[in-house]
């Protein structure tokens, strides 16, 4: 399955597209990307800004 996710990602599919067409949860896709060990697979991944928001809130205090 990780090879399928890898191939789809390399062909420009987004995580949401992969999720929809393969019937997978986004966290499953992320785990499969991690298994392959390819940092390029995360190039299009939108990461949480929670750490930045946390730092900003600390500065405001």
PDB file of N, CA and C in Angstrom:
ATOM      1  N   UNK A   1       0.829  -1.184   0.000  1.00  0.00           N
ATOM      2  CA  UNK A   1       0.000   0.000   0.000  1.00  0.00           C
ATOM      3  C   UNK A   1       0.878   1.254   0.000  1.00  0.00           C
ATOM      4  N   UNK A   2       2.008   1.190   0.724  1.00  0.00           N
ATOM      5  CA  UNK A   2       2.891   2.361   0.765  1.00  0.00           C
ATOM      6  C   UNK A   2       3.432   2.691  -0.621  1.00  0.00           C
ATOM      7  N   UNK A   3       3.648   1.663  -1.448  1.00  0.00           N
ATOM      8  CA  UNK A   3       4.134   1.905  -2.806  1.00  0.00           C
ATOM      9  C   UNK A   3       3.058   2.563  -3.673  1.00  0.00           C
ATOM     10  N   UNK A   4       1.809   2.210  -3.434  1.00  0.00           N
ATOM     11  CA  UNK A   4       0.709   2.839  -4.161  1.00  0.00           C
ATOM     12  C   UNK A   4       0.634   4.314  -3.792  1.00  0.00           C
ATOM     13  N   UNK A   5       0.697   4.601  -2.491  1.00  0.00           N
ATOM     14  CA  UNK A   5       0.661   5.994  -2.030  1.00  0.00           C
ATOM     15  C   UNK A   5       1.859   6.758  -2.580  1.00  0.00           C
ATOM     16  N   UNK A   6       3.022   6.136  -2.582  1.00  0.00           N
ATOM     17  CA  UNK A   6       4.223   6.754  -3.131  1.00  0.00           C
ATOM     18  C   UNK A   6       4.026   7.106  -4.603  1.00  0.00           C
ATOM     19  N   UNK A   7       3.533   6.151  -5.371  1.00  0.00           N
ATOM     20  CA  UNK A   7       3.334   6.371  -6.810  1.00  0.00           C
ATOM     21  C   UNK A   7       2.324   7.480  -7.064  1.00  0.00           C
ATOM     22  N   UNK A   8       1.212   7.457  -6.341  1.00  0.00           N
ATOM     23  CA  UNK A   8       0.198   8.499  -6.524  1.00  0.00           C
ATOM     24  C   UNK A   8       0.748   9.871  -6.153  1.00  0.00           C
ATOM     25  N   UNK A   9       1.505   9.930  -5.072  1.00  0.00           N
ATOM     26  CA  UNK A   9       2.104  11.197  -4.652  1.00  0.00           C
ATOM     27  C   UNK A   9       3.082  11.706  -5.701  1.00  0.00           C
ATOM     28  N   UNK A  10       3.889  10.821  -6.224  1.00  0.00           N
ATOM     29  CA  UNK A  10       4.850  11.213  -7.256  1.00  0.00           C
ATOM     30  C   UNK A  10       4.157  11.658  -8.537  1.00  0.00           C
ATOM     31  N   UNK A  11       2.929  11.193  -8.736  1.00  0.00           N
ATOM     32  CA  UNK A  11       2.146  11.598  -9.908  1.00  0.00           C
ATOM     33  C   UNK A  11       1.294  12.839  -9.650  1.00  0.00           C
ATOM     34  N   UNK A  12       1.536  13.482  -8.513  1.00  0.00           N
ATOM     35  CA  UNK A  12       0.886  14.762  -8.243  1.00  0.00           C
ATOM     36  C   UNK A  12      -0.429  14.708  -7.491  1.00  0.00           C
ATOM     37  N   UNK A  13      -0.800  13.550  -6.994  1.00  0.00           N
ATOM     38  CA  UNK A  13      -2.048  13.448  -6.239  1.00  0.00           C
ATOM     39  C   UNK A  13      -1.862  14.074  -4.864  1.00  0.00           C
ATOM     40  N   UNK A  14      -2.878  14.773  -4.385  1.00  0.00           N
ATOM     41  CA  UNK A  14      -2.846  15.325  -3.033  1.00  0.00           C
ATOM     42  C   UNK A  14      -3.263  14.241  -2.039  1.00  0.00           C
ATOM     43  N   UNK A  15      -2.979  14.490  -0.766  1.00  0.00           N
ATOM     44  CA  UNK A  15      -3.394  13.538   0.273  1.00  0.00           C
ATOM     45  C   UNK A  15      -4.909  13.385   0.288  1.00  0.00           C
ATOM     46  N   UNK A  16      -5.621  14.481   0.050  1.00  0.00           N
ATOM     47  CA  UNK A  16      -7.084  14.421   0.043  1.00  0.00           C
ATOM     48  C   UNK A  16      -7.593  13.571  -1.117  1.00  0.00           C
ATOM     49  N   UNK A  17      -6.958  13.693  -2.285  1.00  0.00           N
ATOM     50  CA  UNK A  17      -7.357  12.869  -3.426  1.00  0.00           C
ATOM     51  C   UNK A  17      -7.099  11.392  -3.157  1.00  0.00           C
ATOM     52  N   UNK A  18      -5.935  11.092  -2.619  1.00  0.00           N
ATOM     53  CA  UNK A  18      -5.597   9.704  -2.301  1.00  0.00           C
ATOM     54  C   UNK A  18      -6.593   9.149  -1.290  1.00  0.00           C
ATOM     55  N   UNK A  19      -6.888   9.936  -0.280  1.00  0.00           N
ATOM     56  CA  UNK A  19      -7.829   9.531   0.760  1.00  0.00           C
ATOM     57  C   UNK A  19      -9.195   9.199   0.166  1.00  0.00           C
ATOM     58  N   UNK A  20      -9.672  10.082  -0.689  1.00  0.00           N
ATOM     59  CA  UNK A  20     -11.000   9.908  -1.289  1.00  0.00           C
ATOM     60  C   UNK A  20     -11.046   8.674  -2.185  1.00  0.00           C
ATOM     61  N   UNK A  21     -10.070   8.528  -3.062  1.00  0.00           N
ATOM     62  CA  UNK A  21     -10.106   7.455  -4.052  1.00  0.00           C
ATOM     63  C   UNK A  21      -9.743   6.086  -3.493  1.00  0.00           C
ATOM     64  N   UNK A  22      -8.948   6.043  -2.445  1.00  0.00           N
ATOM     65  CA  UNK A  22      -8.570   4.756  -1.858  1.00  0.00           C
ATOM     66  C   UNK A  22      -9.364   4.432  -0.597  1.00  0.00           C
ATOM     67  N   UNK A  23     -10.195   5.371  -0.142  1.00  0.00           N
ATOM     68  CA  UNK A  23     -11.003   5.132   1.048  1.00  0.00           C
ATOM     69  C   UNK A  23     -10.170   5.023   2.312  1.00  0.00           C
ATOM     70  N   UNK A  24      -9.152   5.871   2.398  1.00  0.00           N
ATOM     71  CA  UNK A  24      -8.242   5.835   3.547  1.00  0.00           C
ATOM     72  C   UNK A  24      -8.361   7.120   4.349  1.00  0.00           C
ATOM     73  N   UNK A  25      -8.031   7.045   5.622  1.00  0.00           N
ATOM     74  CA  UNK A  25      -7.964   8.229   6.470  1.00  0.00           C
ATOM     75  C   UNK A  25      -6.644   8.943   6.194  1.00  0.00           C
ATOM     76  N   UNK A  26      -6.621  10.261   6.411  1.00  0.00           N
ATOM     77  CA  UNK A  26      -5.400  11.033   6.156  1.00  0.00           C
ATOM     78  C   UNK A  26      -4.235  10.559   7.015  1.00  0.00           C
ATOM     79  N   UNK A  27      -4.502  10.172   8.270  1.00  0.00           N
ATOM     80  CA  UNK A  27      -3.408   9.709   9.125  1.00  0.00           C
ATOM     81  C   UNK A  27      -2.805   8.400   8.614  1.00  0.00           C
ATOM     82  N   UNK A  28      -3.612   7.557   7.950  1.00  0.00           N
ATOM     83  CA  UNK A  28      -3.085   6.329   7.350  1.00  0.00           C
ATOM     84  C   UNK A  28      -2.115   6.671   6.216  1.00  0.00           C
ATOM     85  N   UNK A  29      -2.488   7.643   5.417  1.00  0.00           N
ATOM     86  CA  UNK A  29      -1.645   8.055   4.296  1.00  0.00           C
ATOM     87  C   UNK A  29      -0.325   8.620   4.806  1.00  0.00           C
ATOM     88  N   UNK A  30      -0.393   9.425   5.832  1.00  0.00           N
ATOM     89  CA  UNK A  30       0.824  10.004   6.405  1.00  0.00           C
ATOM     90  C   UNK A  30       1.730   8.896   6.942  1.00  0.00           C
ATOM     91  N   UNK A  31       1.155   7.909   7.636  1.00  0.00           N
ATOM     92  CA  UNK A  31       1.959   6.801   8.145  1.00  0.00           C
ATOM     93  C   UNK A  31       2.625   6.023   7.016  1.00  0.00           C
ATOM     94  N   UNK A  32       1.894   5.807   5.943  1.00  0.00           N
ATOM     95  CA  UNK A  32       2.472   5.089   4.806  1.00  0.00           C
ATOM     96  C   UNK A  32       3.587   5.895   4.154  1.00  0.00           C
ATOM     97  N   UNK A  33       3.439   7.205   4.123  1.00  0.00           N
ATOM     98  CA  UNK A  33       4.506   8.057   3.595  1.00  0.00           C
ATOM     99  C   UNK A  33       5.741   7.949   4.480  1.00  0.00           C
ATOM    100  N   UNK A  34       5.548   7.887   5.773  1.00  0.00           N
ATOM    101  CA  UNK A  34       6.672   7.772   6.693  1.00  0.00           C
ATOM    102  C   UNK A  34       7.404   6.457   6.511  1.00  0.00           C
ATOM    103  N   UNK A  35       6.679   5.400   6.225  1.00  0.00           N
ATOM    104  CA  UNK A  35       7.278   4.079   6.032  1.00  0.00           C
ATOM    105  C   UNK A  35       8.255   4.097   4.866  1.00  0.00           C
ATOM    106  N   UNK A  36       7.897   4.804   3.805  1.00  0.00           N
ATOM    107  CA  UNK A  36       8.760   4.824   2.623  1.00  0.00           C
ATOM    108  C   UNK A  36      10.018   5.634   2.865  1.00  0.00           C
ATOM    109  N   UNK A  37       9.973   6.545   3.829  1.00  0.00           N
ATOM    110  CA  UNK A  37      11.158   7.312   4.185  1.00  0.00           C
ATOM    111  C   UNK A  37      11.539   8.397   3.203  1.00  0.00           C
ATOM    112  N   UNK A  38      10.644   8.777   2.332  1.00  0.00           N
ATOM    113  CA  UNK A  38      10.970   9.795   1.340  1.00  0.00           C
ATOM    114  C   UNK A  38      10.466  11.160   1.777  1.00  0.00           C
ATOM    115  N   UNK A  39      11.370  12.074   2.016  1.00  0.00           N
ATOM    116  CA  UNK A  39      10.967  13.412   2.447  1.00  0.00           C
ATOM    117  C   UNK A  39      10.186  14.134   1.365  1.00  0.00           C
ATOM    118  N   UNK A  40      10.423  13.799   0.099  1.00  0.00           N
ATOM    119  CA  UNK A  40       9.708  14.447  -0.998  1.00  0.00           C
ATOM    120  C   UNK A  40       8.207  14.197  -0.927  1.00  0.00           C
ATOM    121  N   UNK A  41       7.814  13.095  -0.305  1.00  0.00           N
ATOM    122  CA  UNK A  41       6.395  12.780  -0.211  1.00  0.00           C
ATOM    123  C   UNK A  41       5.653  13.782   0.662  1.00  0.00           C
ATOM    124  N   UNK A  42       6.388  14.505   1.510  1.00  0.00           N
ATOM    125  CA  UNK A  42       5.754  15.475   2.385  1.00  0.00           C
ATOM    126  C   UNK A  42       5.851  16.895   1.845  1.00  0.00           C
ATOM    127  N   UNK A  43       6.361  17.054   0.648  1.00  0.00           N
ATOM    128  CA  UNK A  43       6.559  18.389   0.079  1.00  0.00           C
ATOM    129  C   UNK A  43       5.250  19.172  -0.011  1.00  0.00           C
ATOM    130  N   UNK A  44       4.146  18.500  -0.304  1.00  0.00           N
ATOM    131  CA  UNK A  44       2.852  19.171  -0.464  1.00  0.00           C
ATOM    132  C   UNK A  44       2.004  19.122   0.808  1.00  0.00           C
ATOM    133  N   UNK A  45       2.510  18.478   1.837  1.00  0.00           N
ATOM    134  CA  UNK A  45       1.744  18.323   3.077  1.00  0.00           C
ATOM    135  C   UNK A  45       1.669  19.649   3.823  1.00  0.00           C
ATOM    136  N   UNK A  46       0.477  20.017   4.258  1.00  0.00           N
ATOM    137  CA  UNK A  46       0.305  21.242   5.032  1.00  0.00           C
ATOM    138  C   UNK A  46       0.394  20.892   6.507  1.00  0.00           C
ATOM    139  N   UNK A  47       1.452  21.374   7.131  1.00  0.00           N
ATOM    140  CA  UNK A  47       1.681  21.078   8.534  1.00  0.00           C
ATOM    141  C   UNK A  47       0.948  22.071   9.432  1.00  0.00           C
ATOM    142  N   UNK A  48       0.648  21.636  10.625  1.00  0.00           N
ATOM    143  CA  UNK A  48      -0.026  22.454  11.615  1.00  0.00           C
ATOM    144  C   UNK A  48       0.836  23.653  12.001  1.00  0.00           C
ATOM    145  N   UNK A  49       0.187  24.761  12.233  1.00  0.00           N
ATOM    146  CA  UNK A  49       0.871  25.976  12.667  1.00  0.00           C
ATOM    147  C   UNK A  49       0.789  26.129  14.186  1.00  0.00           C
ATOM    148  N   UNK A  50       0.392  25.060  14.872  1.00  0.00           N
ATOM    149  CA  UNK A  50       0.143  25.148  16.309  1.00  0.00           C
ATOM    150  C   UNK A  50       1.360  25.609  17.095  1.00  0.00           C
ATOM    151  N   UNK A  51       2.567  25.186  16.718  1.00  0.00           N
ATOM    152  CA  UNK A  51       3.754  25.610  17.442  1.00  0.00           C
ATOM    153  C   UNK A  51       3.968  27.108  17.272  1.00  0.00           C
ATOM    154  N   UNK A  52       3.793  27.604  16.069  1.00  0.00           N
ATOM    155  CA  UNK A  52       3.951  29.035  15.818  1.00  0.00           C
ATOM    156  C   UNK A  52       2.913  29.831  16.598  1.00  0.00           C
ATOM    157  N   UNK A  53       1.678  29.329  16.640  1.00  0.00           N
ATOM    158  CA  UNK A  53       0.629  29.998  17.393  1.00  0.00           C
ATOM    159  C   UNK A  53       0.945  29.986  18.888  1.00  0.00           C
ATOM    160  N   UNK A  54       1.483  28.888  19.383  1.00  0.00           N
ATOM    161  CA  UNK A  54       1.872  28.778  20.781  1.00  0.00           C
ATOM    162  C   UNK A  54       2.937  29.827  21.114  1.00  0.00           C
ATOM    163  N   UNK A  55       3.983  29.914  20.272  1.00  0.00           N
ATOM    164  CA  UNK A  55       5.041  30.895  20.500  1.00  0.00           C
ATOM    165  C   UNK A  55       4.499  32.316  20.467  1.00  0.00           C
ATOM    166  N   UNK A  56       3.604  32.588  19.545  1.00  0.00           N
ATOM    167  CA  UNK A  56       3.019  33.931  19.435  1.00  0.00           C
ATOM    168  C   UNK A  56       2.227  34.278  20.689  1.00  0.00           C
ATOM    169  N   UNK A  57       1.463  33.315  21.203  1.00  0.00           N
ATOM    170  CA  UNK A  57       0.691  33.544  22.422  1.00  0.00           C
ATOM    171  C   UNK A  57       1.604  33.788  23.615  1.00  0.00           C
ATOM    172  N   UNK A  58       2.735  33.101  23.685  1.00  0.00           N
ATOM    173  CA  UNK A  58       3.682  33.292  24.777  1.00  0.00           C
ATOM    174  C   UNK A  58       4.277  34.702  24.716  1.00  0.00           C
ATOM    175  N   UNK A  59       4.595  35.167  23.524  1.00  0.00           N
ATOM    176  CA  UNK A  59       5.172  36.511  23.363  1.00  0.00           C
ATOM    177  C   UNK A  59       4.201  37.603  23.782  1.00  0.00           C
ATOM    178  N   UNK A  60       2.908  37.363  23.582  1.00  0.00           N
ATOM    179  CA  UNK A  60       1.890  38.361  23.915  1.00  0.00           C
ATOM    180  C   UNK A  60       1.739  38.542  25.419  1.00  0.00           C
ATOM    181  N   UNK A  61       2.111  37.522  26.197  1.00  0.00           N
ATOM    182  CA  UNK A  61       1.903  37.569  27.655  1.00  0.00           C
ATOM    183  C   UNK A  61       2.925  38.414  28.347  1.00  0.00           C
TER     184      UNK A  61
END
